[in-house]
Amino acid sequence: MGVASWALLLLAWWLVLERDPRSWAAELAVPVVAVVVVTVVTLWWVRHNLGIYQRKGPRRGLPDVSAPWTQDSLGRPLVLADGVAQAPVVRLRLDGDLKRYEVAP
């Protein structure tokens, strides 16, 4: 799929250059600028995360969350089955306004 995508991109550029070889510089500017912007933003984001790591160190666990949970983010009441926190597979079922978490068989 990746090779086909690159081949399609090269074909598209060949068609652009065949149409008017004198104007290819302006049309090539858009993907070049996009590559530069994406690279700069990605490098900034990596540096930002490295700075957080240097200030705070590695994660030492999950953040504390108060339990028991009584409702979801939409305000629906939650019904949690026994053992759902340790279950490898959990099934979610909506019963009217209730949101049920059950241990899957």
PDB file of N, CA and C in Angstrom:
ATOM      1  N   MET A   1       0.823  -1.185   0.000  1.00  0.00           N
ATOM      2  CA  MET A   1       0.000   0.000   0.000  1.00  0.00           C
ATOM      3  C   MET A   1       0.877   1.261   0.000  1.00  0.00           C
ATOM      4  N   GLY A   2       1.939   1.205   0.784  1.00  0.00           N
ATOM      5  CA  GLY A   2       2.835   2.351   0.840  1.00  0.00           C
ATOM      6  C   GLY A   2       3.536   2.608  -0.479  1.00  0.00           C
ATOM      7  N   VAL A   3       3.994   1.535  -1.128  1.00  0.00           N
ATOM      8  CA  VAL A   3       4.671   1.672  -2.428  1.00  0.00           C
ATOM      9  C   VAL A   3       3.692   2.217  -3.463  1.00  0.00           C
ATOM     10  N   ALA A   4       2.453   1.733  -3.427  1.00  0.00           N
ATOM     11  CA  ALA A   4       1.439   2.220  -4.370  1.00  0.00           C
ATOM     12  C   ALA A   4       1.159   3.703  -4.137  1.00  0.00           C
ATOM     13  N   SER A   5       1.125   4.115  -2.879  1.00  0.00           N
ATOM     14  CA  SER A   5       0.898   5.540  -2.574  1.00  0.00           C
ATOM     15  C   SER A   5       2.030   6.404  -3.113  1.00  0.00           C
ATOM     16  N   TRP A   6       3.276   5.953  -2.908  1.00  0.00           N
ATOM     17  CA  TRP A   6       4.410   6.720  -3.432  1.00  0.00           C
ATOM     18  C   TRP A   6       4.393   6.760  -4.958  1.00  0.00           C
ATOM     19  N   ALA A   7       4.044   5.644  -5.584  1.00  0.00           N
ATOM     20  CA  ALA A   7       3.964   5.615  -7.046  1.00  0.00           C
ATOM     21  C   ALA A   7       2.898   6.568  -7.554  1.00  0.00           C
ATOM     22  N   LEU A   8       1.766   6.609  -6.875  1.00  0.00           N
ATOM     23  CA  LEU A   8       0.697   7.537  -7.254  1.00  0.00           C
ATOM     24  C   LEU A   8       1.147   8.988  -7.084  1.00  0.00           C
ATOM     25  N   LEU A   9       1.864   9.281  -6.010  1.00  0.00           N
ATOM     26  CA  LEU A   9       2.373  10.639  -5.800  1.00  0.00           C
ATOM     27  C   LEU A   9       3.369  11.022  -6.904  1.00  0.00           C
ATOM     28  N   LEU A  10       4.272  10.102  -7.249  1.00  0.00           N
ATOM     29  CA  LEU A  10       5.239  10.387  -8.311  1.00  0.00           C
ATOM     30  C   LEU A  10       4.544  10.586  -9.657  1.00  0.00           C
ATOM     31  N   LEU A  11       3.520   9.782  -9.925  1.00  0.00           N
ATOM     32  CA  LEU A  11       2.753   9.949 -11.154  1.00  0.00           C
ATOM     33  C   LEU A  11       2.071  11.313 -11.182  1.00  0.00           C
ATOM     34  N   ALA A  12       1.507  11.719 -10.069  1.00  0.00           N
ATOM     35  CA  ALA A  12       0.836  13.028 -10.012  1.00  0.00           C
ATOM     36  C   ALA A  12       1.834  14.152 -10.276  1.00  0.00           C
ATOM     37  N   TRP A  13       3.035  14.050  -9.689  1.00  0.00           N
ATOM     38  CA  TRP A  13       4.035  15.096  -9.927  1.00  0.00           C
ATOM     39  C   TRP A  13       4.520  15.069 -11.377  1.00  0.00           C
ATOM     40  N   TRP A  14       4.660  13.895 -11.950  1.00  0.00           N
ATOM     41  CA  TRP A  14       5.077  13.819 -13.347  1.00  0.00           C
ATOM     42  C   TRP A  14       4.043  14.500 -14.236  1.00  0.00           C
ATOM     43  N   LEU A  15       2.751  14.295 -13.946  1.00  0.00           N
ATOM     44  CA  LEU A  15       1.700  14.957 -14.731  1.00  0.00           C
ATOM     45  C   LEU A  15       1.750  16.474 -14.554  1.00  0.00           C
ATOM     46  N   VAL A  16       2.058  16.935 -13.354  1.00  0.00           N
ATOM     47  CA  VAL A  16       2.176  18.380 -13.123  1.00  0.00           C
ATOM     48  C   VAL A  16       3.338  18.952 -13.922  1.00  0.00           C
ATOM     49  N   LEU A  17       4.479  18.279 -13.872  1.00  0.00           N
ATOM     50  CA  LEU A  17       5.663  18.783 -14.579  1.00  0.00           C
ATOM     51  C   LEU A  17       5.492  18.715 -16.089  1.00  0.00           C
ATOM     52  N   GLU A  18       4.780  17.718 -16.587  1.00  0.00           N
ATOM     53  CA  GLU A  18       4.527  17.605 -18.019  1.00  0.00           C
ATOM     54  C   GLU A  18       3.625  18.728 -18.519  1.00  0.00           C
ATOM     55  N   ARG A  19       2.703  19.171 -17.675  1.00  0.00           N
ATOM     56  CA  ARG A  19       1.752  20.196 -18.084  1.00  0.00           C
ATOM     57  C   ARG A  19       2.457  21.517 -18.395  1.00  0.00           C
ATOM     58  N   ASP A  20       3.323  21.956 -17.483  1.00  0.00           N
ATOM     59  CA  ASP A  20       4.038  23.216 -17.690  1.00  0.00           C
ATOM     60  C   ASP A  20       5.339  23.167 -16.888  1.00  0.00           C
ATOM     61  N   PRO A  21       6.426  22.777 -17.512  1.00  0.00           N
ATOM     62  CA  PRO A  21       7.674  22.616 -16.764  1.00  0.00           C
ATOM     63  C   PRO A  21       8.205  23.902 -16.150  1.00  0.00           C
ATOM     64  N   ARG A  22       7.762  25.055 -16.631  1.00  0.00           N
ATOM     65  CA  ARG A  22       8.277  26.305 -16.078  1.00  0.00           C
ATOM     66  C   ARG A  22       7.641  26.667 -14.746  1.00  0.00           C
ATOM     67  N   SER A  23       6.475  26.111 -14.422  1.00  0.00           N
ATOM     68  CA  SER A  23       5.780  26.514 -13.200  1.00  0.00           C
ATOM     69  C   SER A  23       5.889  25.480 -12.079  1.00  0.00           C
ATOM     70  N   TRP A  24       6.771  24.508 -12.219  1.00  0.00           N
ATOM     71  CA  TRP A  24       6.839  23.446 -11.214  1.00  0.00           C
ATOM     72  C   TRP A  24       7.345  23.940  -9.882  1.00  0.00           C
ATOM     73  N   ALA A  25       8.157  24.985  -9.860  1.00  0.00           N
ATOM     74  CA  ALA A  25       8.722  25.459  -8.590  1.00  0.00           C
ATOM     75  C   ALA A  25       7.619  25.946  -7.639  1.00  0.00           C
ATOM     76  N   ALA A  26       6.669  26.679  -8.153  1.00  0.00           N
ATOM     77  CA  ALA A  26       5.586  27.175  -7.302  1.00  0.00           C
ATOM     78  C   ALA A  26       4.704  26.033  -6.815  1.00  0.00           C
ATOM     79  N   GLU A  27       4.467  25.048  -7.659  1.00  0.00           N
ATOM     80  CA  GLU A  27       3.622  23.923  -7.267  1.00  0.00           C
ATOM     81  C   GLU A  27       4.347  22.970  -6.322  1.00  0.00           C
ATOM     82  N   LEU A  28       5.643  22.919  -6.396  1.00  0.00           N
ATOM     83  CA  LEU A  28       6.424  22.078  -5.500  1.00  0.00           C
ATOM     84  C   LEU A  28       6.559  22.709  -4.119  1.00  0.00           C
ATOM     85  N   ALA A  29       6.331  24.011  -4.021  1.00  0.00           N
ATOM     86  CA  ALA A  29       6.490  24.711  -2.746  1.00  0.00           C
ATOM     87  C   ALA A  29       5.512  24.209  -1.690  1.00  0.00           C
ATOM     88  N   VAL A  30       4.305  23.854  -2.072  1.00  0.00           N
ATOM     89  CA  VAL A  30       3.305  23.420  -1.089  1.00  0.00           C
ATOM     90  C   VAL A  30       3.743  22.154  -0.357  1.00  0.00           C
ATOM     91  N   PRO A  31       4.091  21.052  -1.041  1.00  0.00           N
ATOM     92  CA  PRO A  31       4.523  19.880  -0.272  1.00  0.00           C
ATOM     93  C   PRO A  31       5.838  20.089   0.472  1.00  0.00           C
ATOM     94  N   VAL A  32       6.738  20.901  -0.086  1.00  0.00           N
ATOM     95  CA  VAL A  32       8.008  21.161   0.601  1.00  0.00           C
ATOM     96  C   VAL A  32       7.744  21.910   1.901  1.00  0.00           C
ATOM     97  N   VAL A  33       6.905  22.933   1.850  1.00  0.00           N
ATOM     98  CA  VAL A  33       6.557  23.680   3.062  1.00  0.00           C
ATOM     99  C   VAL A  33       5.851  22.767   4.055  1.00  0.00           C
ATOM    100  N   ALA A  34       4.963  21.895   3.573  1.00  0.00           N
ATOM    101  CA  ALA A  34       4.260  20.969   4.458  1.00  0.00           C
ATOM    102  C   ALA A  34       5.244  20.034   5.164  1.00  0.00           C
ATOM    103  N   VAL A  35       6.214  19.507   4.419  1.00  0.00           N
ATOM    104  CA  VAL A  35       7.213  18.618   5.029  1.00  0.00           C
ATOM    105  C   VAL A  35       8.022  19.371   6.077  1.00  0.00           C
ATOM    106  N   VAL A  36       8.420  20.584   5.777  1.00  0.00           N
ATOM    107  CA  VAL A  36       9.203  21.373   6.730  1.00  0.00           C
ATOM    108  C   VAL A  36       8.377  21.669   7.979  1.00  0.00           C
ATOM    109  N   VAL A  37       7.129  22.092   7.809  1.00  0.00           N
ATOM    110  CA  VAL A  37       6.281  22.427   8.961  1.00  0.00           C
ATOM    111  C   VAL A  37       6.028  21.190   9.814  1.00  0.00           C
ATOM    112  N   VAL A  38       5.700  20.069   9.196  1.00  0.00           N
ATOM    113  CA  VAL A  38       5.450  18.842   9.957  1.00  0.00           C
ATOM    114  C   VAL A  38       6.715  18.415  10.703  1.00  0.00           C
ATOM    115  N   THR A  39       7.861  18.498  10.067  1.00  0.00           N
ATOM    116  CA  THR A  39       9.115  18.122  10.715  1.00  0.00           C
ATOM    117  C   THR A  39       9.425  19.032  11.892  1.00  0.00           C
ATOM    118  N   VAL A  40       9.262  20.337  11.711  1.00  0.00           N
ATOM    119  CA  VAL A  40       9.543  21.287  12.791  1.00  0.00           C
ATOM    120  C   VAL A  40       8.593  21.071  13.960  1.00  0.00           C
ATOM    121  N   VAL A  41       7.313  20.908  13.681  1.00  0.00           N
ATOM    122  CA  VAL A  41       6.337  20.694  14.758  1.00  0.00           C
ATOM    123  C   VAL A  41       6.620  19.378  15.481  1.00  0.00           C
ATOM    124  N   THR A  42       6.954  18.330  14.736  1.00  0.00           N
ATOM    125  CA  THR A  42       7.263  17.046  15.360  1.00  0.00           C
ATOM    126  C   THR A  42       8.499  17.151  16.244  1.00  0.00           C
ATOM    127  N   LEU A  43       9.542  17.790  15.765  1.00  0.00           N
ATOM    128  CA  LEU A  43      10.755  17.954  16.568  1.00  0.00           C
ATOM    129  C   LEU A  43      10.487  18.809  17.806  1.00  0.00           C
ATOM    130  N   TRP A  44       9.676  19.845  17.671  1.00  0.00           N
ATOM    131  CA  TRP A  44       9.313  20.669  18.827  1.00  0.00           C
ATOM    132  C   TRP A  44       8.558  19.830  19.857  1.00  0.00           C
ATOM    133  N   TRP A  45       7.615  18.997  19.395  1.00  0.00           N
ATOM    134  CA  TRP A  45       6.820  18.171  20.306  1.00  0.00           C
ATOM    135  C   TRP A  45       7.704  17.156  21.037  1.00  0.00           C
ATOM    136  N   VAL A  46       8.661  16.554  20.328  1.00  0.00           N
ATOM    137  CA  VAL A  46       9.591  15.620  20.958  1.00  0.00           C
ATOM    138  C   VAL A  46      10.420  16.354  22.004  1.00  0.00           C
ATOM    139  N   ARG A  47      10.921  17.527  21.658  1.00  0.00           N
ATOM    140  CA  ARG A  47      11.728  18.317  22.609  1.00  0.00           C
ATOM    141  C   ARG A  47      10.894  18.720  23.824  1.00  0.00           C
ATOM    142  N   HIS A  48       9.646  19.096  23.596  1.00  0.00           N
ATOM    143  CA  HIS A  48       8.742  19.455  24.687  1.00  0.00           C
ATOM    144  C   HIS A  48       8.571  18.271  25.646  1.00  0.00           C
ATOM    145  N   ASN A  49       8.328  17.072  25.109  1.00  0.00           N
ATOM    146  CA  ASN A  49       8.159  15.891  25.943  1.00  0.00           C
ATOM    147  C   ASN A  49       9.448  15.502  26.657  1.00  0.00           C
ATOM    148  N   LEU A  50      10.584  15.673  25.997  1.00  0.00           N
ATOM    149  CA  LEU A  50      11.854  15.408  26.667  1.00  0.00           C
ATOM    150  C   LEU A  50      12.077  16.382  27.822  1.00  0.00           C
ATOM    151  N   GLY A  51      11.672  17.631  27.638  1.00  0.00           N
ATOM    152  CA  GLY A  51      11.773  18.613  28.721  1.00  0.00           C
ATOM    153  C   GLY A  51      10.922  18.226  29.920  1.00  0.00           C
ATOM    154  N   ILE A  52       9.715  17.733  29.652  1.00  0.00           N
ATOM    155  CA  ILE A  52       8.855  17.264  30.746  1.00  0.00           C
ATOM    156  C   ILE A  52       9.532  16.098  31.464  1.00  0.00           C
ATOM    157  N   TYR A  53      10.092  15.179  30.715  1.00  0.00           N
ATOM    158  CA  TYR A  53      10.768  14.021  31.303  1.00  0.00           C
ATOM    159  C   TYR A  53      11.964  14.457  32.147  1.00  0.00           C
ATOM    160  N   GLN A  54      12.717  15.440  31.663  1.00  0.00           N
ATOM    161  CA  GLN A  54      13.881  15.909  32.417  1.00  0.00           C
ATOM    162  C   GLN A  54      13.467  16.613  33.703  1.00  0.00           C
ATOM    163  N   ARG A  55      12.341  17.334  33.672  1.00  0.00           N
ATOM    164  CA  ARG A  55      11.877  18.031  34.876  1.00  0.00           C
ATOM    165  C   ARG A  55      11.244  17.078  35.887  1.00  0.00           C
ATOM    166  N   LYS A  56      10.424  16.164  35.405  1.00  0.00           N
ATOM    167  CA  LYS A  56       9.639  15.321  36.303  1.00  0.00           C
ATOM    168  C   LYS A  56      10.178  13.913  36.465  1.00  0.00           C
ATOM    169  N   GLY A  57      11.001  13.451  35.534  1.00  0.00           N
ATOM    170  CA  GLY A  57      11.492  12.082  35.594  1.00  0.00           C
ATOM    171  C   GLY A  57      10.483  11.122  34.994  1.00  0.00           C
ATOM    172  N   PRO A  58      10.795   9.825  35.041  1.00  0.00           N
ATOM    173  CA  PRO A  58       9.890   8.846  34.450  1.00  0.00           C
ATOM    174  C   PRO A  58       8.599   8.727  35.251  1.00  0.00           C
ATOM    175  N   ARG A  59       7.578   8.225  34.601  1.00  0.00           N
ATOM    176  CA  ARG A  59       6.310   7.995  35.296  1.00  0.00           C
ATOM    177  C   ARG A  59       6.504   6.897  36.327  1.00  0.00           C
ATOM    178  N   ARG A  60       5.834   7.071  37.442  1.00  0.00           N
ATOM    179  CA  ARG A  60       5.945   6.082  38.517  1.00  0.00           C
ATOM    180  C   ARG A  60       4.635   5.336  38.741  1.00  0.00           C
ATOM    181  N   GLY A  61       3.684   5.536  37.883  1.00  0.00           N
ATOM    182  CA  GLY A  61       2.410   4.850  38.019  1.00  0.00           C
ATOM    183  C   GLY A  61       1.303   5.663  37.392  1.00  0.00           C
ATOM    184  N   LEU A  62       0.105   5.168  37.552  1.00  0.00           N
ATOM    185  CA  LEU A  62      -1.062   5.863  37.018  1.00  0.00           C
ATOM    186  C   LEU A  62      -1.518   6.941  37.993  1.00  0.00           C
ATOM    187  N   PRO A  63      -2.149   7.991  37.490  1.00  0.00           N
ATOM    188  CA  PRO A  63      -2.665   9.010  38.412  1.00  0.00           C
ATOM    189  C   PRO A  63      -3.780   8.428  39.277  1.00  0.00           C
ATOM    190  N   ASP A  64      -3.895   8.940  40.488  1.00  0.00           N
ATOM    191  CA  ASP A  64      -4.957   8.498  41.390  1.00  0.00           C
ATOM    192  C   ASP A  64      -6.305   8.997  40.900  1.00  0.00           C
ATOM    193  N   VAL A  65      -7.259   8.110  40.925  1.00  0.00           N
ATOM    194  CA  VAL A  65      -8.618   8.446  40.521  1.00  0.00           C
ATOM    195  C   VAL A  65      -9.527   8.032  41.665  1.00  0.00           C
ATOM    196  N   SER A  66     -10.391   8.936  42.059  1.00  0.00           N
ATOM    197  CA  SER A  66     -11.274   8.595  43.161  1.00  0.00           C
ATOM    198  C   SER A  66     -12.328   7.595  42.708  1.00  0.00           C
ATOM    199  N   ALA A  67     -12.579   6.627  43.544  1.00  0.00           N
ATOM    200  CA  ALA A  67     -13.585   5.603  43.258  1.00  0.00           C
ATOM    201  C   ALA A  67     -14.577   5.605  44.413  1.00  0.00           C
ATOM    202  N   PRO A  68     -15.726   5.150  44.329  1.00  0.00           N
ATOM    203  CA  PRO A  68     -16.324   4.472  43.200  1.00  0.00           C
ATOM    204  C   PRO A  68     -16.853   5.458  42.179  1.00  0.00           C
ATOM    205  N   TRP A  69     -16.888   4.998  40.961  1.00  0.00           N
ATOM    206  CA  TRP A  69     -17.417   5.819  39.889  1.00  0.00           C
ATOM    207  C   TRP A  69     -18.927   5.679  39.885  1.00  0.00           C
ATOM    208  N   THR A  70     -19.609   6.771  39.759  1.00  0.00           N
ATOM    209  CA  THR A  70     -21.071   6.725  39.803  1.00  0.00           C
ATOM    210  C   THR A  70     -21.708   7.098  38.481  1.00  0.00           C
ATOM    211  N   GLN A  71     -20.993   7.849  37.653  1.00  0.00           N
ATOM    212  CA  GLN A  71     -21.555   8.250  36.368  1.00  0.00           C
ATOM    213  C   GLN A  71     -20.451   8.456  35.358  1.00  0.00           C
ATOM    214  N   ASP A  72     -20.825   8.375  34.082  1.00  0.00           N
ATOM    215  CA  ASP A  72     -19.843   8.597  33.024  1.00  0.00           C
ATOM    216  C   ASP A  72     -19.782  10.082  32.687  1.00  0.00           C
ATOM    217  N   SER A  73     -19.011  10.418  31.680  1.00  0.00           N
ATOM    218  CA  SER A  73     -18.821  11.836  31.325  1.00  0.00           C
ATOM    219  C   SER A  73     -20.090  12.476  30.785  1.00  0.00           C
ATOM    220  N   LEU A  74     -21.064  11.665  30.370  1.00  0.00           N
ATOM    221  CA  LEU A  74     -22.339  12.200  29.883  1.00  0.00           C
ATOM    222  C   LEU A  74     -23.397  12.233  30.974  1.00  0.00           C
ATOM    223  N   GLY A  75     -23.028  11.834  32.191  1.00  0.00           N
ATOM    224  CA  GLY A  75     -23.956  11.874  33.305  1.00  0.00           C
ATOM    225  C   GLY A  75     -24.811  10.624  33.463  1.00  0.00           C
ATOM    226  N   ARG A  76     -24.553   9.579  32.659  1.00  0.00           N
ATOM    227  CA  ARG A  76     -25.326   8.340  32.788  1.00  0.00           C
ATOM    228  C   ARG A  76     -24.844   7.556  34.002  1.00  0.00           C
ATOM    229  N   PRO A  77     -25.758   6.978  34.786  1.00  0.00           N
ATOM    230  CA  PRO A  77     -25.348   6.162  35.931  1.00  0.00           C
ATOM    231  C   PRO A  77     -24.617   4.904  35.481  1.00  0.00           C
ATOM    232  N   LEU A  78     -23.596   4.519  36.248  1.00  0.00           N
ATOM    233  CA  LEU A  78     -22.802   3.335  35.935  1.00  0.00           C
ATOM    234  C   LEU A  78     -23.157   2.201  36.864  1.00  0.00           C
ATOM    235  N   VAL A  79     -23.179   1.006  36.315  1.00  0.00           N
ATOM    236  CA  VAL A  79     -23.361  -0.210  37.099  1.00  0.00           C
ATOM    237  C   VAL A  79     -22.158  -1.096  36.798  1.00  0.00           C
ATOM    238  N   LEU A  80     -21.305  -1.300  37.818  1.00  0.00           N
ATOM    239  CA  LEU A  80     -20.086  -2.087  37.639  1.00  0.00           C
ATOM    240  C   LEU A  80     -20.271  -3.453  38.274  1.00  0.00           C
ATOM    241  N   ALA A  81     -20.063  -4.513  37.512  1.00  0.00           N
ATOM    242  CA  ALA A  81     -20.163  -5.874  38.031  1.00  0.00           C
ATOM    243  C   ALA A  81     -18.974  -6.165  38.930  1.00  0.00           C
ATOM    244  N   ASP A  82     -19.146  -7.112  39.839  1.00  0.00           N
ATOM    245  CA  ASP A  82     -18.046  -7.534  40.704  1.00  0.00           C
ATOM    246  C   ASP A  82     -16.924  -8.114  39.859  1.00  0.00           C
ATOM    247  N   GLY A  83     -15.698  -7.728  40.158  1.00  0.00           N
ATOM    248  CA  GLY A  83     -14.540  -8.258  39.459  1.00  0.00           C
ATOM    249  C   GLY A  83     -14.241  -7.608  38.126  1.00  0.00           C
ATOM    250  N   VAL A  84     -14.966  -6.556  37.768  1.00  0.00           N
ATOM    251  CA  VAL A  84     -14.750  -5.939  36.457  1.00  0.00           C
ATOM    252  C   VAL A  84     -13.371  -5.278  36.363  1.00  0.00           C
ATOM    253  N   ALA A  85     -12.829  -4.815  37.478  1.00  0.00           N
ATOM    254  CA  ALA A  85     -11.520  -4.147  37.440  1.00  0.00           C
ATOM    255  C   ALA A  85     -10.396  -5.113  37.110  1.00  0.00           C
ATOM    256  N   GLN A  86     -10.552  -6.394  37.456  1.00  0.00           N
ATOM    257  CA  GLN A  86      -9.505  -7.379  37.196  1.00  0.00           C
ATOM    258  C   GLN A  86      -9.798  -8.226  35.960  1.00  0.00           C
ATOM    259  N   ALA A  87     -10.917  -8.029  35.329  1.00  0.00           N
ATOM    260  CA  ALA A  87     -11.315  -8.869  34.202  1.00  0.00           C
ATOM    261  C   ALA A  87     -10.481  -8.558  32.966  1.00  0.00           C
ATOM    262  N   PRO A  88     -10.047  -9.597  32.234  1.00  0.00           N
ATOM    263  CA  PRO A  88      -9.293  -9.350  31.001  1.00  0.00           C
ATOM    264  C   PRO A  88     -10.165  -8.825  29.872  1.00  0.00           C
ATOM    265  N   VAL A  89     -11.466  -9.177  29.903  1.00  0.00           N
ATOM    266  CA  VAL A  89     -12.385  -8.708  28.871  1.00  0.00           C
ATOM    267  C   VAL A  89     -13.637  -8.200  29.570  1.00  0.00           C
ATOM    268  N   VAL A  90     -14.038  -6.987  29.205  1.00  0.00           N
ATOM    269  CA  VAL A  90     -15.211  -6.363  29.803  1.00  0.00           C
ATOM    270  C   VAL A  90     -16.208  -6.064  28.696  1.00  0.00           C
ATOM    271  N   ARG A  91     -17.471  -6.354  28.959  1.00  0.00           N
ATOM    272  CA  ARG A  91     -18.530  -6.062  28.003  1.00  0.00           C
ATOM    273  C   ARG A  91     -19.311  -4.861  28.510  1.00  0.00           C
ATOM    274  N   LEU A  92     -19.607  -3.941  27.624  1.00  0.00           N
ATOM    275  CA  LEU A  92     -20.363  -2.730  27.941  1.00  0.00           C
ATOM    276  C   LEU A  92     -21.748  -2.861  27.339  1.00  0.00           C
ATOM    277  N   ARG A  93     -22.765  -2.587  28.147  1.00  0.00           N
ATOM    278  CA  ARG A  93     -24.139  -2.687  27.674  1.00  0.00           C
ATOM    279  C   ARG A  93     -24.908  -1.466  28.159  1.00  0.00           C
ATOM    280  N   LEU A  94     -25.704  -0.892  27.280  1.00  0.00           N
ATOM    281  CA  LEU A  94     -26.555   0.242  27.640  1.00  0.00           C
ATOM    282  C   LEU A  94     -27.973  -0.259  27.836  1.00  0.00           C
ATOM    283  N   ASP A  95     -28.529  -0.028  29.011  1.00  0.00           N
ATOM    284  CA  ASP A  95     -29.916  -0.373  29.331  1.00  0.00           C
ATOM    285  C   ASP A  95     -30.643   0.924  29.638  1.00  0.00           C
ATOM    286  N   GLY A  96     -31.258   1.492  28.626  1.00  0.00           N
ATOM    287  CA  GLY A  96     -31.927   2.775  28.836  1.00  0.00           C
ATOM    288  C   GLY A  96     -30.912   3.833  29.204  1.00  0.00           C
ATOM    289  N   ASP A  97     -31.038   4.371  30.424  1.00  0.00           N
ATOM    290  CA  ASP A  97     -30.086   5.378  30.904  1.00  0.00           C
ATOM    291  C   ASP A  97     -28.928   4.766  31.680  1.00  0.00           C
ATOM    292  N   LEU A  98     -28.949   3.467  31.925  1.00  0.00           N
ATOM    293  CA  LEU A  98     -27.885   2.809  32.678  1.00  0.00           C
ATOM    294  C   LEU A  98     -26.790   2.315  31.746  1.00  0.00           C
ATOM    295  N   LYS A  99     -25.575   2.459  32.201  1.00  0.00           N
ATOM    296  CA  LYS A  99     -24.417   1.960  31.467  1.00  0.00           C
ATOM    297  C   LYS A  99     -23.823   0.842  32.313  1.00  0.00           C
ATOM    298  N   ARG A 100     -23.896  -0.411  31.820  1.00  0.00           N
ATOM    299  CA  ARG A 100     -23.468  -1.572  32.583  1.00  0.00           C
ATOM    300  C   ARG A 100     -22.133  -2.112  32.069  1.00  0.00           C
ATOM    301  N   TYR A 101     -21.214  -2.293  33.005  1.00  0.00           N
ATOM    302  CA  TYR A 101     -19.942  -2.951  32.718  1.00  0.00           C
ATOM    303  C   TYR A 101     -20.002  -4.345  33.310  1.00  0.00           C
ATOM    304  N   GLU A 102     -19.853  -5.368  32.449  1.00  0.00           N
ATOM    305  CA  GLU A 102     -19.963  -6.752  32.886  1.00  0.00           C
ATOM    306  C   GLU A 102     -18.703  -7.517  32.504  1.00  0.00           C
ATOM    307  N   VAL A 103     -18.388  -8.540  33.300  1.00  0.00           N
ATOM    308  CA  VAL A 103     -17.265  -9.414  32.979  1.00  0.00           C
ATOM    309  C   VAL A 103     -17.710 -10.310  31.832  1.00  0.00           C
ATOM    310  N   ALA A 104     -16.958 -10.280  30.744  1.00  0.00           N
ATOM    311  CA  ALA A 104     -17.317 -11.086  29.572  1.00  0.00           C
ATOM    312  C   ALA A 104     -16.972 -12.546  29.839  1.00  0.00           C
ATOM    313  N   PRO A 105     -17.800 -13.447  29.372  1.00  0.00           N
ATOM    314  CA  PRO A 105     -17.524 -14.890  29.589  1.00  0.00           C
ATOM    315  C   PRO A 105     -16.362 -15.366  28.749  1.00  0.00           C
TER     316      PRO A 105
END
